[in-house]
Amino acid sequence: TYDTNYKAVYNLHGNSLDSTAYGNDGTDTAVAYEQQNNSLGAVFNGSNSGIDCGSDLSLDDHWAGGGHLTVWMNPKSDGEANAGSVMRRLGTSIGWFFSLHAGSGGFVKMRFLQEFTTTYGFWFSDLIIPINELTKFDIYYNSDSVNNDPVFVMNGIKVNVVENTTPVGTAEPAGADPLSIGDSSGSETFDGLI
């Protein structure tokens, strides 16, 4: 049982049901569930699959006051358009996303964006996430100050974060846009297992 600090937990063991009391269950589109490298999870096809988890108030302002995301993933590539979406809460101009980027030499970068009222914050990891290997990745972030940078942790080890764009203003909440796993409205779909 998860306490109320957990806003959503998706084990993705054959379905996209939320294990918390909030009931933010997902709706699958072209998602397969299978065993890969000793891990059961959701497989995204890199072109049109994803899970829509809705936009319940419990999912709002995830990073305000400090938030945390954990994902186990086994990417086959850096995804559609070299930017496979792991998880996002982003509409046309506000919210946040967490995605793969720019694969090279069998590795990909992780990137994280948080919208702010004037200029968004944008951060990258180095080329550290292996292709075709199960990896645990955590992001810790507090959007209360433009001086805060996210903390990236891979397989329990803190890794380097490069700030690409310094945020200006105050963090924008995601509004009515749904939490999405593995897809980005059909333009940046994850390729592999989450």
Protein backbone atom coordinates (compact mmCIF):
# COMPACT_ATOMS: atom_id res chain seq x y z
CA THR A 1 0.00 0.00 0.00
CA TYR A 2 1.29 3.43 -0.94
CA ASP A 3 0.72 6.50 1.23
CA THR A 4 -0.75 9.75 -0.12
CA ASN A 5 2.71 11.10 -1.02
CA TYR A 6 2.65 8.70 -3.97
CA LYS A 7 0.45 10.28 -6.64
CA ALA A 8 0.74 7.43 -9.13
CA VAL A 9 2.55 4.09 -9.31
CA TYR A 10 2.48 2.10 -12.55
CA ASN A 11 4.05 -1.36 -12.26
CA LEU A 12 3.11 -2.10 -15.90
CA HIS A 13 2.90 -5.83 -15.21
CA GLY A 14 0.29 -6.64 -17.83
CA ASN A 15 -1.77 -3.46 -17.42
CA SER A 16 -1.50 0.28 -16.76
CA LEU A 17 -3.44 0.36 -13.49
CA ASP A 18 -2.34 2.87 -10.84
CA SER A 19 -1.41 1.11 -7.56
CA THR A 20 -2.17 4.17 -5.40
CA ALA A 21 -5.49 5.17 -3.84
CA TYR A 22 -5.79 7.97 -6.44
CA GLY A 23 -6.77 5.54 -9.21
CA ASN A 24 -4.99 7.34 -12.06
CA ASP A 25 -5.32 4.28 -14.30
CA GLY A 26 -3.94 4.49 -17.80
CA THR A 27 -5.53 3.87 -21.19
CA ASP A 28 -3.23 1.96 -23.54
CA THR A 29 -2.74 2.61 -27.23
CA ALA A 30 -0.74 0.02 -29.21
CA VAL A 31 1.11 -1.14 -26.06
CA ALA A 32 2.24 -4.75 -25.64
CA TYR A 33 3.14 -6.33 -22.31
CA GLU A 34 5.98 -8.82 -22.39
CA GLN A 35 9.00 -10.28 -20.66
CA GLN A 36 12.38 -8.82 -21.70
CA ASN A 37 15.73 -9.34 -20.01
CA ASN A 38 14.09 -10.76 -16.87
CA SER A 39 11.70 -7.81 -16.60
CA LEU A 40 7.98 -7.69 -17.32
CA GLY A 41 6.74 -4.36 -18.63
CA ALA A 42 5.04 -2.29 -21.28
CA VAL A 43 6.62 -2.30 -24.73
CA PHE A 44 6.30 0.83 -26.87
CA ASN A 45 6.81 0.62 -30.63
CA GLY A 46 8.62 3.89 -31.35
CA SER A 47 5.87 5.23 -33.59
CA ASN A 48 2.33 5.35 -32.17
CA SER A 49 2.06 3.65 -28.78
CA GLY A 50 1.55 5.19 -25.36
CA ILE A 51 -0.39 5.25 -22.11
CA ASP A 52 -2.69 8.16 -21.25
CA CYS A 53 -3.01 8.40 -17.46
CA GLY A 54 -5.43 11.32 -17.35
CA SER A 55 -5.13 14.72 -15.70
CA ASP A 56 -6.50 14.23 -12.18
CA LEU A 57 -5.73 17.02 -9.69
CA SER A 58 -3.52 14.58 -7.76
CA LEU A 59 -1.09 14.70 -10.71
CA ASP A 60 -0.82 18.51 -10.75
CA ASP A 61 2.30 20.43 -9.75
CA HIS A 62 4.40 17.28 -9.40
CA TRP A 63 7.65 19.19 -8.90
CA ALA A 64 6.32 21.99 -6.61
CA GLY A 65 8.00 21.63 -3.22
CA GLY A 66 10.07 18.73 -4.56
CA GLY A 67 9.11 15.65 -6.55
CA HIS A 68 10.59 12.34 -7.62
CA LEU A 69 10.13 10.00 -10.59
CA THR A 70 11.57 6.52 -10.91
CA VAL A 71 11.48 4.44 -14.08
CA TRP A 72 12.93 1.09 -15.09
CA MET A 73 13.48 1.02 -18.85
CA ASN A 74 15.11 -1.00 -21.58
CA PRO A 75 15.31 1.24 -24.66
CA LYS A 76 15.89 -0.27 -28.10
CA SER A 77 16.89 3.14 -29.49
CA ASP A 78 16.61 6.83 -28.62
CA GLY A 79 13.02 6.65 -29.88
CA GLU A 80 10.96 8.42 -32.48
CA ALA A 81 12.63 11.61 -33.79
CA ASN A 82 15.68 10.78 -31.58
CA ALA A 83 13.62 11.91 -28.57
CA GLY A 84 11.64 8.98 -27.13
CA SER A 85 9.31 10.19 -24.40
CA VAL A 86 9.54 8.26 -21.11
CA MET A 87 6.98 10.32 -19.21
CA ARG A 88 5.46 13.75 -19.74
CA ARG A 89 2.82 16.18 -18.62
CA LEU A 90 3.08 18.75 -21.35
CA GLY A 91 0.56 20.45 -23.60
CA THR A 92 1.22 22.98 -26.31
CA SER A 93 3.31 25.23 -24.10
CA ILE A 94 3.24 24.33 -20.40
CA GLY A 95 4.25 21.44 -18.15
CA TRP A 96 7.27 19.10 -18.12
CA PHE A 97 8.78 16.09 -19.88
CA PHE A 98 11.38 13.38 -19.28
CA SER A 99 12.74 11.70 -22.42
CA LEU A 100 15.65 10.04 -24.18
CA HIS A 101 17.76 12.00 -26.62
CA ALA A 102 20.54 11.75 -29.23
CA GLY A 103 21.74 8.17 -29.21
CA SER A 104 25.32 7.38 -30.19
CA GLY A 105 27.62 4.39 -29.77
CA GLY A 106 24.97 2.26 -28.06
CA PHE A 107 24.05 4.89 -25.44
CA VAL A 108 21.49 7.69 -25.13
CA LYS A 109 21.13 10.86 -23.08
CA MET A 110 18.29 11.60 -20.68
CA ARG A 111 16.70 15.03 -20.89
CA PHE A 112 14.30 16.86 -18.61
CA LEU A 113 12.33 20.03 -19.34
CA GLN A 114 10.20 22.14 -16.96
CA GLU A 115 8.22 25.05 -18.34
CA PHE A 116 8.50 28.41 -16.54
CA THR A 117 6.55 31.62 -17.18
CA THR A 118 9.39 33.34 -19.07
CA THR A 119 11.95 30.70 -20.13
CA TYR A 120 11.82 26.94 -19.65
CA GLY A 121 14.54 24.98 -17.83
CA PHE A 122 16.21 22.24 -19.87
CA TRP A 123 18.76 19.71 -18.58
CA PHE A 124 20.61 16.73 -20.10
CA SER A 125 22.65 13.80 -18.88
CA ASP A 126 25.76 12.62 -20.67
CA LEU A 127 25.53 9.63 -23.07
CA ILE A 128 25.14 7.11 -20.25
CA ILE A 129 21.94 5.10 -20.70
CA PRO A 130 22.71 1.84 -22.53
CA ILE A 131 20.60 0.60 -25.42
CA ASN A 132 19.14 -2.91 -24.94
CA GLU A 133 19.91 -3.00 -21.23
CA LEU A 134 17.54 -2.67 -18.28
CA THR A 135 18.32 0.57 -16.43
CA LYS A 136 16.79 2.25 -13.39
CA PHE A 137 16.65 6.04 -13.67
CA ASP A 138 15.47 8.55 -11.04
CA ILE A 139 14.87 12.28 -11.26
CA TYR A 140 14.58 14.45 -8.15
CA TYR A 141 13.56 18.06 -8.72
CA ASN A 142 12.08 21.05 -6.91
CA SER A 143 10.56 23.65 -9.24
CA ASP A 144 10.12 26.30 -6.51
CA SER A 145 13.28 28.16 -7.54
CA VAL A 146 14.99 28.83 -10.88
CA ASN A 147 18.28 28.11 -9.05
CA ASN A 148 17.35 24.45 -8.54
CA ASP A 149 18.70 21.83 -10.90
CA PRO A 150 17.34 18.29 -11.12
CA VAL A 151 19.31 15.40 -9.69
CA PHE A 152 19.68 12.42 -12.03
CA VAL A 153 20.44 8.99 -10.54
CA MET A 154 21.15 5.94 -12.70
CA ASN A 155 21.17 2.49 -11.11
CA GLY A 156 21.63 4.10 -7.69
CA ILE A 157 24.54 6.38 -8.69
CA LYS A 158 24.20 10.16 -9.07
CA VAL A 159 25.24 11.22 -12.57
CA ASN A 160 26.29 14.47 -14.20
CA VAL A 161 23.56 16.93 -15.24
CA VAL A 162 24.21 19.63 -17.84
CA GLU A 163 21.97 22.69 -17.79
CA ASN A 164 21.18 23.54 -21.40
CA THR A 165 18.70 26.37 -20.66
CA THR A 166 18.42 28.24 -17.36
CA PRO A 167 14.79 28.75 -16.29
CA VAL A 168 13.37 32.25 -15.78
CA GLY A 169 10.10 33.12 -14.01
CA THR A 170 7.94 30.69 -12.03
CA ALA A 171 7.21 27.06 -12.84
CA GLU A 172 4.14 26.42 -14.98
CA PRO A 173 1.78 23.67 -13.80
CA ALA A 174 0.69 21.12 -16.39
CA GLY A 175 -2.95 22.18 -16.35
CA ALA A 176 -5.43 19.91 -18.10
CA ASP A 177 -2.88 17.97 -20.12
CA PRO A 178 -2.73 14.26 -19.29
CA LEU A 179 0.18 12.40 -17.78
CA SER A 180 1.56 10.27 -20.60
CA ILE A 181 3.91 7.30 -20.44
CA GLY A 182 5.91 6.32 -23.51
CA ASP A 183 4.41 8.69 -26.01
CA SER A 184 4.37 12.30 -27.04
CA SER A 185 1.21 12.76 -29.07
CA GLY A 186 2.64 10.59 -31.82
CA SER A 187 5.79 12.59 -32.48
CA GLU A 188 8.32 11.37 -29.87
CA THR A 189 7.30 7.81 -28.96
CA PHE A 190 9.51 5.63 -26.76
CA ASP A 191 11.03 2.54 -28.42
CA GLY A 192 11.43 -0.33 -25.98
CA LEU A 193 10.28 -1.48 -22.55
CA ILE A 194 9.25 0.62 -19.55
